[in-house]
C-alpha atoms as a PDB file:
ATOM      1  CA  UNK A   1     192.357 135.705  70.931  1.00  0.00           C
ATOM      2  CA  UNK A   2     191.791 132.147  69.742  1.00  0.00           C
ATOM      3  CA  UNK A   3     194.247 130.580  67.269  1.00  0.00           C
ATOM      4  CA  UNK A   4     193.884 127.489  65.074  1.00  0.00           C
ATOM      5  CA  UNK A   5     197.050 125.961  63.610  1.00  0.00           C
ATOM      6  CA  UNK A   6     196.901 123.236  60.983  1.00  0.00           C
ATOM      7  CA  UNK A   7     200.277 121.605  60.326  1.00  0.00           C
ATOM      8  CA  UNK A   8     201.243 119.050  57.704  1.00  0.00           C
ATOM      9  CA  UNK A   9     204.659 117.425  57.620  1.00  0.00           C
ATOM     10  CA  UNK A  10     205.087 118.066  53.873  1.00  0.00           C
ATOM     11  CA  UNK A  11     205.027 121.794  54.566  1.00  0.00           C
ATOM     12  CA  UNK A  12     207.902 121.775  57.042  1.00  0.00           C
ATOM     13  CA  UNK A  13     211.196 123.443  56.213  1.00  0.00           C
ATOM     14  CA  UNK A  14     213.212 120.247  56.542  1.00  0.00           C
ATOM     15  CA  UNK A  15     211.298 117.924  54.211  1.00  0.00           C
ATOM     16  CA  UNK A  16     212.392 117.744  50.586  1.00  0.00           C
ATOM     17  CA  UNK A  17     211.231 114.291  49.473  1.00  0.00           C
ATOM     18  CA  UNK A  18     208.035 112.275  49.904  1.00  0.00           C
ATOM     19  CA  UNK A  19     209.892 109.391  51.560  1.00  0.00           C
ATOM     20  CA  UNK A  20     210.931 111.623  54.475  1.00  0.00           C
ATOM     21  CA  UNK A  21     207.294 112.051  55.450  1.00  0.00           C
ATOM     22  CA  UNK A  22     206.451 108.355  55.686  1.00  0.00           C
ATOM     23  CA  UNK A  23     206.442 106.518  59.014  1.00  0.00           C
ATOM     24  CA  UNK A  24     208.997 103.723  59.000  1.00  0.00           C
ATOM     25  CA  UNK A  25     211.453 105.535  56.730  1.00  0.00           C
ATOM     26  CA  UNK A  26     214.884 106.459  58.168  1.00  0.00           C
ATOM     27  CA  UNK A  27     214.297 110.207  57.693  1.00  0.00           C
ATOM     28  CA  UNK A  28     210.834 110.241  59.299  1.00  0.00           C
ATOM     29  CA  UNK A  29     211.928 110.851  62.932  1.00  0.00           C
ATOM     30  CA  UNK A  30     213.854 113.966  61.880  1.00  0.00           C
ATOM     31  CA  UNK A  31     210.816 115.222  59.940  1.00  0.00           C
ATOM     32  CA  UNK A  32     208.616 114.707  63.017  1.00  0.00           C
ATOM     33  CA  UNK A  33     211.129 116.559  65.171  1.00  0.00           C
ATOM     34  CA  UNK A  34     211.148 119.476  62.717  1.00  0.00           C
ATOM     35  CA  UNK A  35     207.337 119.553  62.486  1.00  0.00           C
ATOM     36  CA  UNK A  36     207.101 119.584  66.281  1.00  0.00           C
ATOM     37  CA  UNK A  37     209.634 122.417  66.541  1.00  0.00           C
ATOM     38  CA  UNK A  38     207.808 124.514  63.947  1.00  0.00           C
ATOM     39  CA  UNK A  39     204.427 124.042  65.642  1.00  0.00           C
ATOM     40  CA  UNK A  40     205.984 124.924  69.001  1.00  0.00           C
ATOM     41  CA  UNK A  41     207.471 128.110  67.514  1.00  0.00           C
ATOM     42  CA  UNK A  42     204.099 129.052  66.028  1.00  0.00           C
ATOM     43  CA  UNK A  43     202.438 128.514  69.422  1.00  0.00           C
ATOM     44  CA  UNK A  44     205.030 130.622  71.199  1.00  0.00           C
ATOM     45  CA  UNK A  45     204.554 133.400  68.636  1.00  0.00           C
ATOM     46  CA  UNK A  46     200.791 133.244  69.003  1.00  0.00           C
ATOM     47  CA  UNK A  47     201.065 133.505  72.788  1.00  0.00           C
ATOM     48  CA  UNK A  48     203.434 136.461  72.454  1.00  0.00           C
ATOM     49  CA  UNK A  49     200.822 138.112  70.226  1.00  0.00           C
ATOM     50  CA  UNK A  50     198.104 137.618  72.845  1.00  0.00           C
ATOM     51  CA  UNK A  51     196.569 134.223  72.081  1.00  0.00           C
ATOM     52  CA  UNK A  52     194.513 132.836  74.946  1.00  0.00           C
ATOM     53  CA  UNK A  53     193.548 129.542  73.302  1.00  0.00           C
ATOM     54  CA  UNK A  54     195.458 127.491  70.730  1.00  0.00           C
ATOM     55  CA  UNK A  55     194.110 124.455  68.904  1.00  0.00           C
ATOM     56  CA  UNK A  56     196.502 122.417  66.771  1.00  0.00           C
ATOM     57  CA  UNK A  57     195.413 120.103  63.967  1.00  0.00           C
ATOM     58  CA  UNK A  58     198.006 117.525  62.920  1.00  0.00           C
ATOM     59  CA  UNK A  59     196.993 117.232  59.266  1.00  0.00           C
ATOM     60  CA  UNK A  60     199.464 114.549  58.206  1.00  0.00           C
ATOM     61  CA  UNK A  61     198.106 111.049  57.764  1.00  0.00           C
ATOM     62  CA  UNK A  62     196.276 109.866  60.882  1.00  0.00           C
ATOM     63  CA  UNK A  63     197.250 113.004  62.790  1.00  0.00           C
ATOM     64  CA  UNK A  64     199.709 111.435  65.209  1.00  0.00           C
ATOM     65  CA  UNK A  65     202.966 113.054  64.094  1.00  0.00           C
ATOM     66  CA  UNK A  66     203.440 116.023  66.429  1.00  0.00           C
ATOM     67  CA  UNK A  67     205.230 115.134  69.650  1.00  0.00           C
ATOM     68  CA  UNK A  68     202.888 116.961  72.008  1.00  0.00           C
ATOM     69  CA  UNK A  69     205.174 116.284  74.990  1.00  0.00           C
ATOM     70  CA  UNK A  70     207.768 118.678  73.523  1.00  0.00           C
ATOM     71  CA  UNK A  71     205.323 121.580  73.444  1.00  0.00           C
ATOM     72  CA  UNK A  72     205.328 123.661  76.615  1.00  0.00           C
ATOM     73  CA  UNK A  73     202.400 125.868  75.569  1.00  0.00           C
ATOM     74  CA  UNK A  74     198.860 125.318  76.874  1.00  0.00           C
ATOM     75  CA  UNK A  75     197.172 123.886  73.789  1.00  0.00           C
ATOM     76  CA  UNK A  76     194.460 121.541  72.600  1.00  0.00           C
ATOM     77  CA  UNK A  77     195.297 119.018  69.872  1.00  0.00           C
ATOM     78  CA  UNK A  78     192.985 117.400  67.365  1.00  0.00           C
ATOM     79  CA  UNK A  79     193.962 113.969  66.016  1.00  0.00           C
ATOM     80  CA  UNK A  80     192.520 112.105  63.052  1.00  0.00           C
ATOM     81  CA  UNK A  81     190.158 113.438  60.413  1.00  0.00           C
END
C-alpha cells in the first residue's frame, strides 16, 4: 500500500496563533517539533496498517519545516511547491 501525507504546520495540535507558524518567531521551533512528531506518528500508523511506501509533502511555506532526521520510517519527502 502506498501512502501520501500532506502536512501543514497550521493544522498541528499545538499551534493556536499565526505567529507560532512563522520562522524566526520564538514559538516556531516548538511548532516544528510538534509537526515532526505528528508526521512521524502518522508514518508509524501507516506502516502498522501495511504501508510499503510513504511520501510526505511538507505543505507549509517553502516546505522545509519537518525535521526529517527525527523520522525513523523509510519515507520519501517532497520539498517546495
